[in-house]
Structures are given as C-alpha cells and as structure tokens.
Protein backbone atom coordinates (compact mmCIF):
# COMPACT_ATOMS: atom_id res chain seq x y z
CA MET A 1 -277.43 228.65 -171.72
CA ILE A 2 -274.99 225.77 -172.06
CA THR A 3 -272.03 227.99 -171.19
CA THR A 4 -273.80 229.20 -168.05
CA ILE A 5 -274.50 225.64 -166.92
CA LEU A 6 -270.93 224.65 -167.75
CA SER A 7 -269.51 227.62 -165.87
CA VAL A 8 -271.59 226.79 -162.79
CA ILE A 9 -270.48 223.15 -162.95
CA ILE A 10 -266.84 224.24 -163.16
CA PHE A 11 -267.03 227.20 -160.76
CA ILE A 12 -268.69 225.47 -157.81
CA PRO A 13 -265.97 222.80 -157.34
CA LEU A 14 -263.27 225.44 -157.89
CA PHE A 15 -264.90 227.63 -155.26
CA MET A 16 -265.09 224.68 -152.86
CA VAL A 17 -261.39 223.91 -153.36
CA PHE A 18 -260.41 227.56 -152.86
CA SER A 19 -262.61 227.77 -149.76
CA TYR A 20 -260.93 224.67 -148.36
CA PHE A 21 -257.52 226.27 -148.80
CA PHE A 22 -258.83 229.51 -147.25
CA LEU A 23 -259.76 227.56 -144.12
CA LEU A 24 -256.34 225.90 -143.99
CA ASP A 25 -254.33 229.05 -144.61
CA LYS A 26 -254.99 232.29 -142.77
CA ASN A 27 -252.80 234.36 -145.09
CA ILE A 28 -254.96 237.29 -146.26
CA LYS A 29 -252.87 238.10 -149.33
CA LYS A 30 -253.05 234.53 -150.65
CA THR A 31 -256.79 234.40 -149.92
CA LEU A 32 -257.46 237.59 -151.88
CA LEU A 33 -255.29 236.41 -154.76
CA SER A 34 -257.05 233.05 -154.92
CA SER A 35 -260.51 234.60 -154.79
CA LEU A 36 -259.53 237.03 -157.55
CA LEU A 37 -258.31 234.09 -159.63
CA ALA A 38 -261.58 232.21 -159.06
CA VAL A 39 -263.66 235.21 -160.10
CA THR A 40 -261.50 235.75 -163.20
CA ILE A 41 -261.93 232.11 -164.24
CA PHE A 42 -265.68 232.34 -163.70
CA ILE A 43 -266.01 235.53 -165.76
CA SER A 44 -263.84 234.18 -168.57
CA ILE A 45 -265.83 230.94 -168.77
CA THR A 46 -269.14 232.78 -168.72
CA PHE A 47 -268.58 235.78 -170.97
CA VAL A 48 -265.74 234.99 -173.38
CA PRO A 49 -267.66 232.33 -175.39
CA SER A 50 -270.62 234.72 -175.66
CA LEU A 51 -268.38 237.54 -176.90
CA LEU A 52 -266.67 235.25 -179.40
CA PHE A 53 -270.08 234.18 -180.70
CA LEU A 54 -271.18 237.81 -181.12
CA PHE A 55 -268.09 238.84 -183.08
CA LYS A 56 -268.05 235.90 -185.49
C-alpha cells in the first residue's frame, strides 16, 4: 500500500516532466525512449519492493 502511494507520488511528477519535454521536442525516438524509461521506473518502484518482501 505504501509503495503504491509512493510510486504514484514519484511517477506523476516524472510523467509531467517527461510530457513537458515531449511538447518541447518533436523527436519521436527520444519521446519513445523517455516514455519507456518512465514506465520502467514506475514498474521498478511498484513491483521490486513487493518481490523483495516475498523472497525474504
């Protein structure tokens, strides 16, 4: 529960920053790379602590 709240708190500003850069830069390759990075960060923040807790 706490990790989900924390991931939302971290992911929303990151998403806003990436979206701002998407609007400034029309480069498709950079946009896809940045969105992939944002999704990877979100997944790692959400699921990695849960997996570590399960395997302890």
